[in-house]
């Protein structure tokens, strides 16, 4: 609906959670840790 290019999760995802979420959403997925490191 929003044509979003990324979904950002508020906690740090485990590698398994990230793989599962990416498989289900088929869009770029990052978590809070990746976002903070990007700002850093």
ModelCIF file with pLDDT and N, C-alpha, C, O atoms, coordinates in Angstrom:
data_MODEL
#
_entry.id   MODEL 
#
_entity.id                         1 
_entity.type                       polymer 
_entity.pdbx_number_of_molecules   1 
#
_entity_poly.entity_id                      1 
_entity_poly.type                           'polypeptide(L)' 
_entity_poly.nstd_linkage                   no 
_entity_poly.nstd_monomer                   no 
_entity_poly.pdbx_seq_one_letter_code       
;(UNK)(UNK)(UNK)(UNK)(UNK)(UNK)(UNK)(UNK)(UNK)(UNK)(UNK)(UNK)(UNK)(UNK)(UNK)(UNK)
(UNK)(UNK)(UNK)(UNK)(UNK)(UNK)(UNK)(UNK)(UNK)(UNK)(UNK)(UNK)(UNK)(UNK)(UNK)(UNK)
(UNK)(UNK)(UNK)(UNK)(UNK)(UNK)(UNK)(UNK)
;
_entity_poly.pdbx_seq_one_letter_code_can   XXXXXXXXXXXXXXXXXXXXXXXXXXXXXXXXXXXXXXXX 
_entity_poly.pdbx_strand_id                 A 
#
loop_
_entity_poly_seq.entity_id 
_entity_poly_seq.num 
_entity_poly_seq.mon_id 
_entity_poly_seq.hetero 
1 1  UNK n 
1 2  UNK n 
1 3  UNK n 
1 4  UNK n 
1 5  UNK n 
1 6  UNK n 
1 7  UNK n 
1 8  UNK n 
1 9  UNK n 
1 10 UNK n 
1 11 UNK n 
1 12 UNK n 
1 13 UNK n 
1 14 UNK n 
1 15 UNK n 
1 16 UNK n 
1 17 UNK n 
1 18 UNK n 
1 19 UNK n 
1 20 UNK n 
1 21 UNK n 
1 22 UNK n 
1 23 UNK n 
1 24 UNK n 
1 25 UNK n 
1 26 UNK n 
1 27 UNK n 
1 28 UNK n 
1 29 UNK n 
1 30 UNK n 
1 31 UNK n 
1 32 UNK n 
1 33 UNK n 
1 34 UNK n 
1 35 UNK n 
1 36 UNK n 
1 37 UNK n 
1 38 UNK n 
1 39 UNK n 
1 40 UNK n 
#
_struct_asym.id          A 
_struct_asym.entity_id   1 
#
loop_
_ma_qa_metric.id 
_ma_qa_metric.mode 
_ma_qa_metric.name 
_ma_qa_metric.software_group_id 
_ma_qa_metric.type 
1 global pLDDT . pLDDT 
2 local  pLDDT . pLDDT 
#
_ma_qa_metric_global.metric_id      1 
_ma_qa_metric_global.metric_value   92.35 
_ma_qa_metric_global.model_id       1 
_ma_qa_metric_global.ordinal_id     1 
#
loop_
_ma_qa_metric_local.label_asym_id 
_ma_qa_metric_local.label_comp_id 
_ma_qa_metric_local.label_seq_id 
_ma_qa_metric_local.metric_id 
_ma_qa_metric_local.metric_value 
_ma_qa_metric_local.model_id 
_ma_qa_metric_local.ordinal_id 
A UNK 1  2 96.00 1 1  
A UNK 2  2 95.00 1 2  
A UNK 3  2 94.00 1 3  
A UNK 4  2 95.00 1 4  
A UNK 5  2 93.00 1 5  
A UNK 6  2 94.00 1 6  
A UNK 7  2 96.00 1 7  
A UNK 8  2 96.00 1 8  
A UNK 9  2 97.00 1 9  
A UNK 10 2 95.00 1 10 
A UNK 11 2 93.00 1 11 
A UNK 12 2 93.00 1 12 
A UNK 13 2 94.00 1 13 
A UNK 14 2 93.00 1 14 
A UNK 15 2 91.00 1 15 
A UNK 16 2 92.00 1 16 
A UNK 17 2 94.00 1 17 
A UNK 18 2 91.00 1 18 
A UNK 19 2 90.00 1 19 
A UNK 20 2 93.00 1 20 
A UNK 21 2 94.00 1 21 
A UNK 22 2 90.00 1 22 
A UNK 23 2 90.00 1 23 
A UNK 24 2 93.00 1 24 
A UNK 25 2 92.00 1 25 
A UNK 26 2 81.00 1 26 
A UNK 27 2 90.00 1 27 
A UNK 28 2 91.00 1 28 
A UNK 29 2 93.00 1 29 
A UNK 30 2 94.00 1 30 
A UNK 31 2 95.00 1 31 
A UNK 32 2 94.00 1 32 
A UNK 33 2 93.00 1 33 
A UNK 34 2 93.00 1 34 
A UNK 35 2 93.00 1 35 
A UNK 36 2 91.00 1 36 
A UNK 37 2 90.00 1 37 
A UNK 38 2 90.00 1 38 
A UNK 39 2 87.00 1 39 
A UNK 40 2 85.00 1 40 
#
loop_
_atom_site.group_PDB 
_atom_site.id 
_atom_site.type_symbol 
_atom_site.label_atom_id 
_atom_site.label_alt_id 
_atom_site.label_comp_id 
_atom_site.label_asym_id 
_atom_site.label_entity_id 
_atom_site.label_seq_id 
_atom_site.pdbx_PDB_ins_code 
_atom_site.Cartn_x 
_atom_site.Cartn_y 
_atom_site.Cartn_z 
_atom_site.occupancy 
_atom_site.B_iso_or_equiv 
_atom_site.pdbx_formal_charge 
_atom_site.auth_seq_id 
_atom_site.auth_comp_id 
_atom_site.auth_asym_id 
_atom_site.auth_atom_id 
_atom_site.pdbx_PDB_model_num 
ATOM 1   N N  . UNK A 1 1  ? 0.820  -1.214  0.000  1.00 96.00 ? 1  UNK A N  1 
ATOM 2   C CA . UNK A 1 1  ? 0.000  0.000   0.000  1.00 96.00 ? 1  UNK A CA 1 
ATOM 3   C C  . UNK A 1 1  ? 0.852  1.262   0.000  1.00 96.00 ? 1  UNK A C  1 
ATOM 4   O O  . UNK A 1 1  ? 0.513  2.236   -0.672 1.00 96.00 ? 1  UNK A O  1 
ATOM 5   N N  . UNK A 1 2  ? 1.954  1.255   0.747  1.00 95.00 ? 2  UNK A N  1 
ATOM 6   C CA . UNK A 1 2  ? 2.787  2.457   0.893  1.00 95.00 ? 2  UNK A CA 1 
ATOM 7   C C  . UNK A 1 2  ? 3.999  2.464   -0.030 1.00 95.00 ? 2  UNK A C  1 
ATOM 8   O O  . UNK A 1 2  ? 4.724  3.457   -0.098 1.00 95.00 ? 2  UNK A O  1 
ATOM 9   N N  . UNK A 1 3  ? 4.225  1.350   -0.749 1.00 94.00 ? 3  UNK A N  1 
ATOM 10  C CA . UNK A 1 3  ? 5.408  1.202   -1.599 1.00 94.00 ? 3  UNK A CA 1 
ATOM 11  C C  . UNK A 1 3  ? 6.687  1.383   -0.774 1.00 94.00 ? 3  UNK A C  1 
ATOM 12  O O  . UNK A 1 3  ? 7.648  2.002   -1.231 1.00 94.00 ? 3  UNK A O  1 
ATOM 13  N N  . UNK A 1 4  ? 6.686  0.849   0.409  1.00 95.00 ? 4  UNK A N  1 
ATOM 14  C CA . UNK A 1 4  ? 7.858  0.943   1.291  1.00 95.00 ? 4  UNK A CA 1 
ATOM 15  C C  . UNK A 1 4  ? 8.993  0.082   0.746  1.00 95.00 ? 4  UNK A C  1 
ATOM 16  O O  . UNK A 1 4  ? 8.759  -0.973  0.157  1.00 95.00 ? 4  UNK A O  1 
ATOM 17  N N  . UNK A 1 5  ? 10.217 0.543   0.950  1.00 93.00 ? 5  UNK A N  1 
ATOM 18  C CA . UNK A 1 5  ? 11.381 -0.204  0.480  1.00 93.00 ? 5  UNK A CA 1 
ATOM 19  C C  . UNK A 1 5  ? 12.134 -0.917  1.582  1.00 93.00 ? 5  UNK A C  1 
ATOM 20  O O  . UNK A 1 5  ? 13.041 -1.704  1.309  1.00 93.00 ? 5  UNK A O  1 
ATOM 21  N N  . UNK A 1 6  ? 11.761 -0.646  2.841  1.00 94.00 ? 6  UNK A N  1 
ATOM 22  C CA . UNK A 1 6  ? 12.462 -1.260  3.956  1.00 94.00 ? 6  UNK A CA 1 
ATOM 23  C C  . UNK A 1 6  ? 11.515 -1.373  5.146  1.00 94.00 ? 6  UNK A C  1 
ATOM 24  O O  . UNK A 1 6  ? 10.687 -0.494  5.386  1.00 94.00 ? 6  UNK A O  1 
ATOM 25  N N  . UNK A 1 7  ? 11.650 -2.468  5.883  1.00 96.00 ? 7  UNK A N  1 
ATOM 26  C CA . UNK A 1 7  ? 10.917 -2.668  7.130  1.00 96.00 ? 7  UNK A CA 1 
ATOM 27  C C  . UNK A 1 7  ? 11.945 -2.698  8.259  1.00 96.00 ? 7  UNK A C  1 
ATOM 28  O O  . UNK A 1 7  ? 12.908 -3.463  8.209  1.00 96.00 ? 7  UNK A O  1 
ATOM 29  N N  . UNK A 1 8  ? 11.735 -1.865  9.273  1.00 96.00 ? 8  UNK A N  1 
ATOM 30  C CA . UNK A 1 8  ? 12.696 -1.721  10.364 1.00 96.00 ? 8  UNK A CA 1 
ATOM 31  C C  . UNK A 1 8  ? 12.075 -2.234  11.657 1.00 96.00 ? 8  UNK A C  1 
ATOM 32  O O  . UNK A 1 8  ? 11.012 -1.773  12.073 1.00 96.00 ? 8  UNK A O  1 
ATOM 33  N N  . UNK A 1 9  ? 12.750 -3.196  12.291 1.00 97.00 ? 9  UNK A N  1 
ATOM 34  C CA . UNK A 1 9  ? 12.265 -3.798  13.535 1.00 97.00 ? 9  UNK A CA 1 
ATOM 35  C C  . UNK A 1 9  ? 12.947 -3.137  14.728 1.00 97.00 ? 9  UNK A C  1 
ATOM 36  O O  . UNK A 1 9  ? 14.127 -2.792  14.675 1.00 97.00 ? 9  UNK A O  1 
ATOM 37  N N  . UNK A 1 10 ? 12.178 -2.966  15.808 1.00 95.00 ? 10 UNK A N  1 
ATOM 38  C CA . UNK A 1 10 ? 12.643 -2.177  16.941 1.00 95.00 ? 10 UNK A CA 1 
ATOM 39  C C  . UNK A 1 10 ? 13.629 -2.910  17.844 1.00 95.00 ? 10 UNK A C  1 
ATOM 40  O O  . UNK A 1 10 ? 14.279 -2.275  18.674 1.00 95.00 ? 10 UNK A O  1 
ATOM 41  N N  . UNK A 1 11 ? 13.759 -4.218  17.706 1.00 93.00 ? 11 UNK A N  1 
ATOM 42  C CA . UNK A 1 11 ? 14.733 -4.979  18.487 1.00 93.00 ? 11 UNK A CA 1 
ATOM 43  C C  . UNK A 1 11 ? 15.768 -5.579  17.546 1.00 93.00 ? 11 UNK A C  1 
ATOM 44  O O  . UNK A 1 11 ? 15.575 -5.593  16.330 1.00 93.00 ? 11 UNK A O  1 
ATOM 45  N N  . UNK A 1 12 ? 16.873 -6.075  18.112 1.00 93.00 ? 12 UNK A N  1 
ATOM 46  C CA . UNK A 1 12 ? 17.851 -6.780  17.287 1.00 93.00 ? 12 UNK A CA 1 
ATOM 47  C C  . UNK A 1 12 ? 17.302 -8.166  16.962 1.00 93.00 ? 12 UNK A C  1 
ATOM 48  O O  . UNK A 1 12 ? 17.001 -8.949  17.862 1.00 93.00 ? 12 UNK A O  1 
ATOM 49  N N  . UNK A 1 13 ? 17.175 -8.461  15.681 1.00 94.00 ? 13 UNK A N  1 
ATOM 50  C CA . UNK A 1 13 ? 16.706 -9.771  15.238 1.00 94.00 ? 13 UNK A CA 1 
ATOM 51  C C  . UNK A 1 13 ? 17.849 -10.770 15.290 1.00 94.00 ? 13 UNK A C  1 
ATOM 52  O O  . UNK A 1 13 ? 18.995 -10.423 15.009 1.00 94.00 ? 13 UNK A O  1 
ATOM 53  N N  . UNK A 1 14 ? 17.541 -12.006 15.647 1.00 93.00 ? 14 UNK A N  1 
ATOM 54  C CA . UNK A 1 14 ? 18.553 -13.049 15.517 1.00 93.00 ? 14 UNK A CA 1 
ATOM 55  C C  . UNK A 1 14 ? 18.752 -13.333 14.036 1.00 93.00 ? 14 UNK A C  1 
ATOM 56  O O  . UNK A 1 14 ? 17.861 -13.037 13.239 1.00 93.00 ? 14 UNK A O  1 
ATOM 57  N N  . UNK A 1 15 ? 19.895 -13.899 13.636 1.00 91.00 ? 15 UNK A N  1 
ATOM 58  C CA . UNK A 1 15 ? 20.075 -14.235 12.221 1.00 91.00 ? 15 UNK A CA 1 
ATOM 59  C C  . UNK A 1 15 ? 18.943 -15.108 11.678 1.00 91.00 ? 15 UNK A C  1 
ATOM 60  O O  . UNK A 1 15 ? 18.519 -14.928 10.536 1.00 91.00 ? 15 UNK A O  1 
ATOM 61  N N  . UNK A 1 16 ? 18.451 -16.050 12.483 1.00 92.00 ? 16 UNK A N  1 
ATOM 62  C CA . UNK A 1 16 ? 17.350 -16.908 12.038 1.00 92.00 ? 16 UNK A CA 1 
ATOM 63  C C  . UNK A 1 16 ? 16.073 -16.108 11.850 1.00 92.00 ? 16 UNK A C  1 
ATOM 64  O O  . UNK A 1 16 ? 15.374 -16.280 10.852 1.00 92.00 ? 16 UNK A O  1 
ATOM 65  N N  . UNK A 1 17 ? 15.760 -15.224 12.810 1.00 94.00 ? 17 UNK A N  1 
ATOM 66  C CA . UNK A 1 17 ? 14.574 -14.385 12.671 1.00 94.00 ? 17 UNK A CA 1 
ATOM 67  C C  . UNK A 1 17 ? 14.670 -13.519 11.420 1.00 94.00 ? 17 UNK A C  1 
ATOM 68  O O  . UNK A 1 17 ? 13.687 -13.358 10.697 1.00 94.00 ? 17 UNK A O  1 
ATOM 69  N N  . UNK A 1 18 ? 15.848 -12.962 11.165 1.00 91.00 ? 18 UNK A N  1 
ATOM 70  C CA . UNK A 1 18 ? 15.996 -12.100 10.004 1.00 91.00 ? 18 UNK A CA 1 
ATOM 71  C C  . UNK A 1 18 ? 15.787 -12.879 8.708  1.00 91.00 ? 18 UNK A C  1 
ATOM 72  O O  . UNK A 1 18 ? 15.130 -12.387 7.791  1.00 91.00 ? 18 UNK A O  1 
ATOM 73  N N  . UNK A 1 19 ? 16.341 -14.092 8.624  1.00 90.00 ? 19 UNK A N  1 
ATOM 74  C CA . UNK A 1 19 ? 16.135 -14.909 7.423  1.00 90.00 ? 19 UNK A CA 1 
ATOM 75  C C  . UNK A 1 19 ? 14.660 -15.232 7.239  1.00 90.00 ? 19 UNK A C  1 
ATOM 76  O O  . UNK A 1 19 ? 14.135 -15.144 6.129  1.00 90.00 ? 19 UNK A O  1 
ATOM 77  N N  . UNK A 1 20 ? 13.993 -15.605 8.326  1.00 93.00 ? 20 UNK A N  1 
ATOM 78  C CA . UNK A 1 20 ? 12.575 -15.956 8.233  1.00 93.00 ? 20 UNK A CA 1 
ATOM 79  C C  . UNK A 1 20 ? 11.721 -14.763 7.814  1.00 93.00 ? 20 UNK A C  1 
ATOM 80  O O  . UNK A 1 20 ? 10.814 -14.896 6.993  1.00 93.00 ? 20 UNK A O  1 
ATOM 81  N N  . UNK A 1 21 ? 12.015 -13.611 8.380  1.00 94.00 ? 21 UNK A N  1 
ATOM 82  C CA . UNK A 1 21 ? 11.240 -12.411 8.058  1.00 94.00 ? 21 UNK A CA 1 
ATOM 83  C C  . UNK A 1 21 ? 11.482 -11.986 6.617  1.00 94.00 ? 21 UNK A C  1 
ATOM 84  O O  . UNK A 1 21 ? 10.538 -11.635 5.910  1.00 94.00 ? 21 UNK A O  1 
ATOM 85  N N  . UNK A 1 22 ? 12.744 -12.013 6.171  1.00 90.00 ? 22 UNK A N  1 
ATOM 86  C CA . UNK A 1 22 ? 13.046 -11.647 4.785  1.00 90.00 ? 22 UNK A CA 1 
ATOM 87  C C  . UNK A 1 22 ? 12.357 -12.584 3.815  1.00 90.00 ? 22 UNK A C  1 
ATOM 88  O O  . UNK A 1 22 ? 11.873 -12.150 2.770  1.00 90.00 ? 22 UNK A O  1 
ATOM 89  N N  . UNK A 1 23 ? 12.307 -13.868 4.150  1.00 90.00 ? 23 UNK A N  1 
ATOM 90  C CA . UNK A 1 23 ? 11.640 -14.843 3.289  1.00 90.00 ? 23 UNK A CA 1 
ATOM 91  C C  . UNK A 1 23 ? 10.148 -14.564 3.196  1.00 90.00 ? 23 UNK A C  1 
ATOM 92  O O  . UNK A 1 23 ? 9.543  -14.742 2.139  1.00 90.00 ? 23 UNK A O  1 
ATOM 93  N N  . UNK A 1 24 ? 9.554  -14.126 4.308  1.00 93.00 ? 24 UNK A N  1 
ATOM 94  C CA . UNK A 1 24 ? 8.116  -13.885 4.331  1.00 93.00 ? 24 UNK A CA 1 
ATOM 95  C C  . UNK A 1 24 ? 7.730  -12.551 3.699  1.00 93.00 ? 24 UNK A C  1 
ATOM 96  O O  . UNK A 1 24 ? 6.649  -12.432 3.122  1.00 93.00 ? 24 UNK A O  1 
ATOM 97  N N  . UNK A 1 25 ? 8.596  -11.552 3.799  1.00 92.00 ? 25 UNK A N  1 
ATOM 98  C CA . UNK A 1 25 ? 8.232  -10.212 3.342  1.00 92.00 ? 25 UNK A CA 1 
ATOM 99  C C  . UNK A 1 25 ? 8.753  -9.880  1.955  1.00 92.00 ? 25 UNK A C  1 
ATOM 100 O O  . UNK A 1 25 ? 8.139  -9.082  1.246  1.00 92.00 ? 25 UNK A O  1 
ATOM 101 N N  . UNK A 1 26 ? 9.874  -10.474 1.547  1.00 81.00 ? 26 UNK A N  1 
ATOM 102 C CA . UNK A 1 26 ? 10.489 -10.196 0.248  1.00 81.00 ? 26 UNK A CA 1 
ATOM 103 C C  . UNK A 1 26 ? 10.732 -8.701  0.047  1.00 81.00 ? 26 UNK A C  1 
ATOM 104 O O  . UNK A 1 26 ? 10.502 -8.157  -1.033 1.00 81.00 ? 26 UNK A O  1 
ATOM 105 N N  . UNK A 1 27 ? 11.203 -8.052  1.113  1.00 90.00 ? 27 UNK A N  1 
ATOM 106 C CA . UNK A 1 27 ? 11.596 -6.654  1.070  1.00 90.00 ? 27 UNK A CA 1 
ATOM 107 C C  . UNK A 1 27 ? 12.776 -6.517  2.025  1.00 90.00 ? 27 UNK A C  1 
ATOM 108 O O  . UNK A 1 27 ? 12.968 -7.360  2.901  1.00 90.00 ? 27 UNK A O  1 
ATOM 109 N N  . UNK A 1 28 ? 13.555 -5.471  1.861  1.00 91.00 ? 28 UNK A N  1 
ATOM 110 C CA . UNK A 1 28 ? 14.715 -5.313  2.737  1.00 91.00 ? 28 UNK A CA 1 
ATOM 111 C C  . UNK A 1 28 ? 14.276 -5.185  4.193  1.00 91.00 ? 28 UNK A C  1 
ATOM 112 O O  . UNK A 1 28 ? 13.341 -4.452  4.515  1.00 91.00 ? 28 UNK A O  1 
ATOM 113 N N  . UNK A 1 29 ? 14.967 -5.908  5.057  1.00 93.00 ? 29 UNK A N  1 
ATOM 114 C CA . UNK A 1 29 ? 14.647 -5.928  6.481  1.00 93.00 ? 29 UNK A CA 1 
ATOM 115 C C  . UNK A 1 29 ? 15.905 -5.544  7.260  1.00 93.00 ? 29 UNK A C  1 
ATOM 116 O O  . UNK A 1 29 ? 16.967 -6.130  7.047  1.00 93.00 ? 29 UNK A O  1 
ATOM 117 N N  . UNK A 1 30 ? 15.796 -4.577  8.150  1.00 94.00 ? 30 UNK A N  1 
ATOM 118 C CA . UNK A 1 30 ? 16.891 -4.267  9.054  1.00 94.00 ? 30 UNK A CA 1 
ATOM 119 C C  . UNK A 1 30 ? 16.311 -4.123  10.458 1.00 94.00 ? 30 UNK A C  1 
ATOM 120 O O  . UNK A 1 30 ? 15.109 -3.922  10.628 1.00 94.00 ? 30 UNK A O  1 
ATOM 121 N N  . UNK A 1 31 ? 17.173 -4.227  11.451 1.00 95.00 ? 31 UNK A N  1 
ATOM 122 C CA . UNK A 1 31 ? 16.714 -4.106  12.827 1.00 95.00 ? 31 UNK A CA 1 
ATOM 123 C C  . UNK A 1 31 ? 17.310 -2.862  13.475 1.00 95.00 ? 31 UNK A C  1 
ATOM 124 O O  . UNK A 1 31 ? 18.034 -2.098  12.837 1.00 95.00 ? 31 UNK A O  1 
ATOM 125 N N  . UNK A 1 32 ? 16.994 -2.674  14.747 1.00 94.00 ? 32 UNK A N  1 
ATOM 126 C CA . UNK A 1 32 ? 17.423 -1.477  15.465 1.00 94.00 ? 32 UNK A CA 1 
ATOM 127 C C  . UNK A 1 32 ? 18.951 -1.349  15.482 1.00 94.00 ? 32 UNK A C  1 
ATOM 128 O O  . UNK A 1 32 ? 19.485 -0.250  15.338 1.00 94.00 ? 32 UNK A O  1 
ATOM 129 N N  . UNK A 1 33 ? 19.647 -2.472  15.656 1.00 93.00 ? 33 UNK A N  1 
ATOM 130 C CA . UNK A 1 33 ? 21.110 -2.433  15.707 1.00 93.00 ? 33 UNK A CA 1 
ATOM 131 C C  . UNK A 1 33 ? 21.693 -1.962  14.382 1.00 93.00 ? 33 UNK A C  1 
ATOM 132 O O  . UNK A 1 33 ? 22.572 -1.100  14.361 1.00 93.00 ? 33 UNK A O  1 
ATOM 133 N N  . UNK A 1 34 ? 21.207 -2.523  13.275 1.00 93.00 ? 34 UNK A N  1 
ATOM 134 C CA . UNK A 1 34 ? 21.701 -2.109  11.953 1.00 93.00 ? 34 UNK A CA 1 
ATOM 135 C C  . UNK A 1 34 ? 21.418 -0.636  11.702 1.00 93.00 ? 34 UNK A C  1 
ATOM 136 O O  . UNK A 1 34 ? 22.228 0.067   11.098 1.00 93.00 ? 34 UNK A O  1 
ATOM 137 N N  . UNK A 1 35 ? 20.260 -0.172  12.171 1.00 93.00 ? 35 UNK A N  1 
ATOM 138 C CA . UNK A 1 35 ? 19.898 1.227   11.981 1.00 93.00 ? 35 UNK A CA 1 
ATOM 139 C C  . UNK A 1 35 ? 20.838 2.147   12.765 1.00 93.00 ? 35 UNK A C  1 
ATOM 140 O O  . UNK A 1 35 ? 21.306 3.155   12.238 1.00 93.00 ? 35 UNK A O  1 
ATOM 141 N N  . UNK A 1 36 ? 21.109 1.798   14.020 1.00 91.00 ? 36 UNK A N  1 
ATOM 142 C CA . UNK A 1 36 ? 22.010 2.618   14.839 1.00 91.00 ? 36 UNK A CA 1 
ATOM 143 C C  . UNK A 1 36 ? 23.415 2.632   14.233 1.00 91.00 ? 36 UNK A C  1 
ATOM 144 O O  . UNK A 1 36 ? 24.065 3.677   14.190 1.00 91.00 ? 36 UNK A O  1 
ATOM 145 N N  . UNK A 1 37 ? 23.879 1.478   13.767 1.00 90.00 ? 37 UNK A N  1 
ATOM 146 C CA . UNK A 1 37 ? 25.208 1.426   13.151 1.00 90.00 ? 37 UNK A CA 1 
ATOM 147 C C  . UNK A 1 37 ? 25.253 2.266   11.883 1.00 90.00 ? 37 UNK A C  1 
ATOM 148 O O  . UNK A 1 37 ? 26.283 2.858   11.563 1.00 90.00 ? 37 UNK A O  1 
ATOM 149 N N  . UNK A 1 38 ? 24.134 2.320   11.158 1.00 90.00 ? 38 UNK A N  1 
ATOM 150 C CA . UNK A 1 38 ? 24.075 3.165   9.968  1.00 90.00 ? 38 UNK A CA 1 
ATOM 151 C C  . UNK A 1 38 ? 24.218 4.636   10.356 1.00 90.00 ? 38 UNK A C  1 
ATOM 152 O O  . UNK A 1 38 ? 24.948 5.383   9.703  1.00 90.00 ? 38 UNK A O  1 
ATOM 153 N N  . UNK A 1 39 ? 23.521 5.054   11.420 1.00 87.00 ? 39 UNK A N  1 
ATOM 154 C CA . UNK A 1 39 ? 23.632 6.433   11.895 1.00 87.00 ? 39 UNK A CA 1 
ATOM 155 C C  . UNK A 1 39 ? 25.048 6.712   12.382 1.00 87.00 ? 39 UNK A C  1 
ATOM 156 O O  . UNK A 1 39 ? 25.601 7.780   12.120 1.00 87.00 ? 39 UNK A O  1 
ATOM 157 N N  . UNK A 1 40 ? 25.638 5.745   13.095 1.00 85.00 ? 40 UNK A N  1 
ATOM 158 C CA . UNK A 1 40 ? 27.029 5.895   13.523 1.00 85.00 ? 40 UNK A CA 1 
ATOM 159 C C  . UNK A 1 40 ? 27.939 6.140   12.323 1.00 85.00 ? 40 UNK A C  1 
ATOM 160 O O  . UNK A 1 40 ? 29.149 6.292   12.487 1.00 85.00 ? 40 UNK A O  1 
#
